[in-house]
N, C-alpha and C. Protein backbone atom coordinates (compact mmCIF):
# COMPACT_ATOMS: atom_id res chain seq x y z
N MET A 1 10.27 -4.66 -12.08
CA MET A 1 11.22 -5.17 -11.14
C MET A 1 10.64 -6.41 -10.45
N THR A 2 11.40 -7.38 -10.23
CA THR A 2 10.83 -8.59 -9.62
C THR A 2 10.95 -8.50 -8.11
N ARG A 3 10.13 -9.23 -7.43
CA ARG A 3 10.10 -9.31 -5.96
C ARG A 3 11.44 -9.72 -5.39
N SER A 4 12.16 -10.59 -6.12
CA SER A 4 13.45 -11.12 -5.60
C SER A 4 14.44 -10.00 -5.45
N ARG A 5 14.33 -8.87 -6.16
CA ARG A 5 15.21 -7.75 -6.04
C ARG A 5 15.16 -7.14 -4.68
N ALA A 6 14.03 -7.28 -4.02
CA ALA A 6 13.84 -6.70 -2.67
C ALA A 6 14.73 -7.45 -1.66
N GLN A 7 15.15 -8.69 -1.98
CA GLN A 7 15.97 -9.47 -1.06
C GLN A 7 17.42 -9.61 -1.55
N ASP A 8 17.72 -9.11 -2.73
CA ASP A 8 19.04 -9.20 -3.34
C ASP A 8 20.07 -8.28 -2.62
N MET A 9 21.09 -8.88 -2.10
CA MET A 9 22.13 -8.10 -1.34
C MET A 9 23.12 -7.43 -2.31
N ASN A 10 23.03 -7.76 -3.61
CA ASN A 10 24.08 -7.26 -4.52
C ASN A 10 23.49 -6.14 -5.45
N VAL A 11 22.65 -5.36 -4.93
CA VAL A 11 22.10 -4.22 -5.72
C VAL A 11 22.48 -2.91 -5.00
N CYS A 12 22.40 -1.82 -5.74
CA CYS A 12 22.63 -0.54 -5.12
C CYS A 12 21.49 -0.15 -4.18
N GLY A 13 21.73 0.81 -3.30
CA GLY A 13 20.74 1.21 -2.37
C GLY A 13 19.45 1.72 -2.95
N VAL A 14 19.56 2.45 -4.05
CA VAL A 14 18.34 2.99 -4.69
C VAL A 14 17.49 1.82 -5.26
N THR A 15 18.15 0.87 -5.88
CA THR A 15 17.42 -0.33 -6.35
C THR A 15 16.76 -1.06 -5.22
N ALA A 16 17.46 -1.22 -4.12
CA ALA A 16 16.88 -1.91 -2.95
C ALA A 16 15.72 -1.17 -2.41
N ALA A 17 15.72 0.15 -2.41
CA ALA A 17 14.58 0.91 -1.90
C ALA A 17 13.41 0.83 -2.90
N ILE A 18 13.67 0.96 -4.17
CA ILE A 18 12.61 0.93 -5.15
C ILE A 18 11.99 -0.41 -5.21
N ALA A 19 12.75 -1.51 -4.93
CA ALA A 19 12.18 -2.86 -4.98
C ALA A 19 11.06 -3.00 -3.94
N VAL A 20 11.12 -2.33 -2.81
CA VAL A 20 10.06 -2.49 -1.82
C VAL A 20 8.84 -1.60 -2.04
N ILE A 21 8.96 -0.60 -2.94
CA ILE A 21 7.78 0.21 -3.24
C ILE A 21 7.33 0.09 -4.65
N ASP A 22 7.94 -0.89 -5.35
CA ASP A 22 7.55 -1.12 -6.75
C ASP A 22 6.09 -1.53 -6.85
N GLY A 23 5.44 -1.08 -7.85
CA GLY A 23 4.05 -1.40 -8.07
C GLY A 23 3.19 -0.16 -8.02
N LYS A 24 1.97 -0.32 -8.44
CA LYS A 24 1.02 0.83 -8.52
C LYS A 24 0.53 1.36 -7.21
N TRP A 25 0.43 0.50 -6.19
CA TRP A 25 -0.29 0.88 -5.00
C TRP A 25 0.50 1.11 -3.73
N LYS A 26 1.74 0.62 -3.69
CA LYS A 26 2.48 0.64 -2.43
C LYS A 26 2.81 2.07 -1.94
N THR A 27 3.16 2.93 -2.82
CA THR A 27 3.48 4.31 -2.37
C THR A 27 2.17 5.01 -1.85
N VAL A 28 1.09 4.73 -2.49
CA VAL A 28 -0.22 5.31 -2.04
C VAL A 28 -0.60 4.74 -0.67
N LEU A 29 -0.38 3.41 -0.50
CA LEU A 29 -0.66 2.76 0.76
C LEU A 29 0.24 3.37 1.86
N LEU A 30 1.52 3.63 1.57
CA LEU A 30 2.39 4.22 2.52
C LEU A 30 1.83 5.60 2.94
N TRP A 31 1.40 6.37 1.94
CA TRP A 31 0.90 7.71 2.18
C TRP A 31 -0.39 7.65 3.08
N LEU A 32 -1.29 6.73 2.78
CA LEU A 32 -2.48 6.59 3.58
C LEU A 32 -2.18 6.17 5.03
N LEU A 33 -1.25 5.21 5.14
CA LEU A 33 -0.95 4.70 6.47
C LEU A 33 -0.13 5.71 7.30
N GLU A 34 0.45 6.70 6.65
CA GLU A 34 1.14 7.77 7.37
C GLU A 34 0.18 8.47 8.31
N ALA A 35 -1.06 8.59 7.91
CA ALA A 35 -2.06 9.31 8.69
C ALA A 35 -2.50 8.50 9.90
N GLY A 36 -2.21 7.25 9.93
CA GLY A 36 -2.58 6.40 11.07
C GLY A 36 -3.02 5.05 10.64
N PRO A 37 -3.33 4.18 11.62
CA PRO A 37 -3.74 2.79 11.31
C PRO A 37 -5.05 2.79 10.49
N HIS A 38 -5.13 1.80 9.66
CA HIS A 38 -6.35 1.58 8.83
C HIS A 38 -6.69 0.13 8.72
N ARG A 39 -7.98 -0.12 8.65
CA ARG A 39 -8.45 -1.48 8.34
C ARG A 39 -8.41 -1.65 6.83
N PRO A 40 -8.34 -2.88 6.37
CA PRO A 40 -8.26 -3.14 4.92
C PRO A 40 -9.44 -2.55 4.16
N GLY A 41 -10.65 -2.69 4.71
CA GLY A 41 -11.83 -2.13 4.11
C GLY A 41 -11.76 -0.62 3.90
N GLU A 42 -11.15 0.08 4.87
CA GLU A 42 -11.00 1.48 4.80
C GLU A 42 -10.05 1.88 3.62
N LEU A 43 -8.98 1.08 3.54
CA LEU A 43 -7.99 1.31 2.47
C LEU A 43 -8.65 1.10 1.12
N ARG A 44 -9.42 0.06 0.95
CA ARG A 44 -10.10 -0.20 -0.29
C ARG A 44 -11.09 0.86 -0.67
N ARG A 45 -11.85 1.41 0.34
CA ARG A 45 -12.78 2.50 0.03
C ARG A 45 -12.05 3.76 -0.41
N ARG A 46 -10.85 4.00 0.12
CA ARG A 46 -10.07 5.16 -0.24
C ARG A 46 -9.42 5.02 -1.61
N LEU A 47 -9.28 3.76 -2.09
CA LEU A 47 -8.62 3.48 -3.36
C LEU A 47 -9.57 2.61 -4.22
N PRO A 48 -10.57 3.23 -4.87
CA PRO A 48 -11.59 2.44 -5.54
C PRO A 48 -11.08 1.47 -6.62
N GLY A 49 -9.97 1.74 -7.26
CA GLY A 49 -9.50 0.87 -8.32
C GLY A 49 -8.70 -0.30 -7.79
N LEU A 50 -8.52 -0.42 -6.51
CA LEU A 50 -7.73 -1.46 -5.90
C LEU A 50 -8.56 -2.64 -5.51
N SER A 51 -8.26 -3.81 -6.08
CA SER A 51 -8.98 -5.00 -5.72
C SER A 51 -8.57 -5.58 -4.38
N GLU A 52 -9.40 -6.36 -3.77
CA GLU A 52 -9.04 -6.98 -2.44
C GLU A 52 -7.85 -7.86 -2.60
N LYS A 53 -7.74 -8.58 -3.70
CA LYS A 53 -6.61 -9.49 -3.90
C LYS A 53 -5.29 -8.68 -3.99
N VAL A 54 -5.28 -7.63 -4.75
CA VAL A 54 -4.06 -6.85 -4.92
C VAL A 54 -3.71 -6.12 -3.59
N LEU A 55 -4.69 -5.62 -2.88
CA LEU A 55 -4.48 -5.01 -1.62
C LEU A 55 -3.85 -5.99 -0.63
N THR A 56 -4.41 -7.17 -0.57
CA THR A 56 -3.84 -8.23 0.34
C THR A 56 -2.42 -8.54 -0.01
N GLN A 57 -2.15 -8.70 -1.33
CA GLN A 57 -0.78 -9.01 -1.77
C GLN A 57 0.19 -7.87 -1.45
N ALA A 58 -0.21 -6.64 -1.70
CA ALA A 58 0.65 -5.49 -1.45
C ALA A 58 0.93 -5.40 0.07
N LEU A 59 -0.08 -5.50 0.89
CA LEU A 59 0.10 -5.40 2.34
C LEU A 59 1.01 -6.54 2.89
N ARG A 60 0.79 -7.72 2.34
CA ARG A 60 1.69 -8.87 2.80
C ARG A 60 3.11 -8.60 2.42
N GLU A 61 3.35 -8.10 1.23
CA GLU A 61 4.72 -7.79 0.78
C GLU A 61 5.31 -6.69 1.69
N MET A 62 4.52 -5.66 1.93
CA MET A 62 4.97 -4.59 2.75
C MET A 62 5.27 -5.02 4.17
N GLU A 63 4.45 -5.97 4.66
CA GLU A 63 4.69 -6.50 5.97
C GLU A 63 5.99 -7.34 5.96
N SER A 64 6.15 -8.12 4.95
CA SER A 64 7.37 -8.95 4.82
C SER A 64 8.63 -8.10 4.72
N ASP A 65 8.46 -6.92 4.13
CA ASP A 65 9.63 -6.01 4.01
C ASP A 65 9.84 -5.13 5.20
N GLY A 66 9.00 -5.29 6.21
CA GLY A 66 9.10 -4.57 7.46
C GLY A 66 8.57 -3.14 7.45
N LEU A 67 7.73 -2.88 6.47
CA LEU A 67 7.19 -1.49 6.37
C LEU A 67 5.87 -1.30 7.13
N VAL A 68 5.07 -2.36 7.22
CA VAL A 68 3.78 -2.26 7.91
C VAL A 68 3.68 -3.35 8.93
N ARG A 69 2.88 -3.07 9.94
CA ARG A 69 2.56 -3.99 11.03
C ARG A 69 1.09 -4.39 10.89
N ARG A 70 0.86 -5.67 10.97
CA ARG A 70 -0.52 -6.21 10.89
C ARG A 70 -0.94 -6.65 12.30
N GLU A 71 -2.01 -6.04 12.78
CA GLU A 71 -2.53 -6.45 14.12
C GLU A 71 -3.90 -7.06 13.95
N VAL A 72 -4.06 -8.24 14.47
CA VAL A 72 -5.37 -8.92 14.45
C VAL A 72 -5.94 -8.84 15.85
N HIS A 73 -7.10 -8.18 16.00
CA HIS A 73 -7.75 -8.09 17.29
C HIS A 73 -8.72 -9.25 17.49
N ASP A 74 -8.67 -9.86 18.60
CA ASP A 74 -9.43 -11.10 18.82
C ASP A 74 -10.85 -10.74 19.29
N VAL A 75 -11.59 -10.23 18.33
CA VAL A 75 -12.99 -9.94 18.54
C VAL A 75 -13.77 -10.60 17.41
N LEU A 76 -15.05 -10.71 17.57
CA LEU A 76 -15.87 -11.29 16.50
C LEU A 76 -16.73 -10.21 15.85
N PRO A 77 -16.66 -10.00 14.57
CA PRO A 77 -15.78 -10.65 13.65
C PRO A 77 -14.33 -10.11 13.87
N LEU A 78 -13.33 -10.89 13.39
CA LEU A 78 -11.95 -10.54 13.53
C LEU A 78 -11.69 -9.12 12.97
N LYS A 79 -10.91 -8.37 13.67
CA LYS A 79 -10.61 -7.00 13.22
C LYS A 79 -9.13 -6.93 12.93
N THR A 80 -8.75 -6.66 11.69
CA THR A 80 -7.36 -6.51 11.31
C THR A 80 -7.08 -5.04 11.02
N VAL A 81 -5.94 -4.56 11.56
CA VAL A 81 -5.55 -3.18 11.38
C VAL A 81 -4.10 -3.15 10.92
N TYR A 82 -3.83 -2.29 9.95
CA TYR A 82 -2.46 -2.11 9.44
C TYR A 82 -1.95 -0.75 9.81
N SER A 83 -0.67 -0.66 10.22
CA SER A 83 -0.04 0.56 10.52
C SER A 83 1.42 0.56 10.08
N LEU A 84 1.97 1.70 9.95
CA LEU A 84 3.40 1.79 9.54
C LEU A 84 4.30 1.42 10.72
N THR A 85 5.36 0.76 10.41
CA THR A 85 6.41 0.48 11.41
C THR A 85 7.33 1.68 11.42
N THR A 86 8.27 1.71 12.32
CA THR A 86 9.29 2.81 12.31
C THR A 86 10.02 2.77 11.01
N PHE A 87 10.35 1.61 10.54
CA PHE A 87 11.08 1.46 9.27
C PHE A 87 10.22 1.97 8.10
N GLY A 88 8.94 1.73 8.11
CA GLY A 88 8.06 2.24 7.10
C GLY A 88 7.95 3.78 7.18
N ARG A 89 7.92 4.33 8.36
CA ARG A 89 7.93 5.80 8.49
C ARG A 89 9.22 6.42 7.97
N GLU A 90 10.33 5.74 8.24
CA GLU A 90 11.62 6.23 7.69
C GLU A 90 11.59 6.25 6.17
N LEU A 91 11.05 5.19 5.53
CA LEU A 91 10.95 5.15 4.09
C LEU A 91 10.03 6.30 3.61
N SER A 92 8.93 6.49 4.25
CA SER A 92 8.02 7.55 3.84
C SER A 92 8.64 8.90 3.92
N GLU A 93 9.42 9.16 4.96
CA GLU A 93 10.16 10.42 5.08
C GLU A 93 11.21 10.56 4.00
N ALA A 94 11.86 9.43 3.68
CA ALA A 94 12.91 9.49 2.68
C ALA A 94 12.28 9.76 1.26
N LEU A 95 11.08 9.32 1.09
CA LEU A 95 10.37 9.52 -0.20
C LEU A 95 9.80 10.94 -0.40
N ALA A 96 9.68 11.70 0.68
CA ALA A 96 9.09 13.04 0.58
C ALA A 96 9.83 13.93 -0.41
N PRO A 97 11.16 14.02 -0.33
CA PRO A 97 11.89 14.86 -1.34
C PRO A 97 11.66 14.36 -2.75
N LEU A 98 11.57 13.07 -2.91
CA LEU A 98 11.38 12.53 -4.29
C LEU A 98 9.98 12.89 -4.76
N ALA A 99 9.00 12.87 -3.87
CA ALA A 99 7.63 13.28 -4.26
C ALA A 99 7.61 14.76 -4.64
N ASP A 100 8.31 15.61 -3.86
CA ASP A 100 8.41 17.03 -4.21
C ASP A 100 8.98 17.22 -5.62
N TRP A 101 10.08 16.49 -5.89
CA TRP A 101 10.69 16.55 -7.22
C TRP A 101 9.69 16.14 -8.28
N GLY A 102 8.95 15.08 -8.02
CA GLY A 102 7.97 14.59 -8.99
C GLY A 102 6.89 15.61 -9.27
N HIS A 103 6.42 16.34 -8.24
CA HIS A 103 5.42 17.34 -8.40
C HIS A 103 5.97 18.49 -9.27
N ARG A 104 7.21 18.89 -9.00
CA ARG A 104 7.86 19.94 -9.79
C ARG A 104 7.96 19.50 -11.25
N ARG A 105 8.31 18.25 -11.50
CA ARG A 105 8.41 17.75 -12.87
C ARG A 105 7.05 17.80 -13.53
N LEU A 106 5.98 17.39 -12.83
CA LEU A 106 4.63 17.45 -13.43
C LEU A 106 4.23 18.86 -13.77
N GLU A 107 4.56 19.80 -12.89
CA GLU A 107 4.27 21.22 -13.18
C GLU A 107 4.98 21.67 -14.42
N LYS A 108 6.26 21.29 -14.61
CA LYS A 108 6.99 21.68 -15.79
C LYS A 108 6.39 21.07 -17.03
N LEU A 109 5.96 19.83 -16.93
CA LEU A 109 5.30 19.20 -18.09
C LEU A 109 4.01 19.89 -18.46
N ALA A 110 3.25 20.26 -17.43
CA ALA A 110 1.95 20.97 -17.67
C ALA A 110 2.21 22.35 -18.34
N GLN A 111 3.29 23.03 -17.84
CA GLN A 111 3.59 24.33 -18.43
C GLN A 111 4.05 24.19 -19.88
N ALA A 112 4.82 23.15 -20.14
CA ALA A 112 5.29 22.89 -21.55
C ALA A 112 4.13 22.61 -22.46
N GLN A 113 3.14 21.83 -21.97
CA GLN A 113 2.03 21.49 -22.79
C GLN A 113 1.07 22.70 -23.01
N ALA A 114 1.09 23.66 -22.05
CA ALA A 114 0.22 24.82 -22.13
C ALA A 114 0.82 25.91 -23.11
N GLN A 115 2.14 25.76 -23.35
CA GLN A 115 2.78 26.71 -24.26
C GLN A 115 2.29 26.51 -25.70
N PRO A 116 1.93 27.54 -26.41
CA PRO A 116 1.53 27.39 -27.81
C PRO A 116 2.72 26.98 -28.64
N SER A 117 2.50 26.06 -29.56
CA SER A 117 3.60 25.61 -30.42
C SER A 117 3.86 26.49 -31.58
């Protein structure tokens, strides 16, 4: 899905929601930020496969979509902290039932694979 879909007014609500969480890392970042504010370095340490470039891009897109707030503290060295906005928390809460469904699906797949053929 392209980034432009996140701004398209002529899509269904599900497509509009998926457009802002599309990608490998955004749902994980939402989940981590649910626990509280994090600095970018903390997020990278928690997600070893995530490059700094991709993290920066994902956080900027999430900020642009109103999901996260970026706070820069005027200290030396500069300290940047990301946290969920109210809108981001609403999305996270809305995704919880979908995550539950996904876990049930994975359990069914595991059971099917464990069954002897």
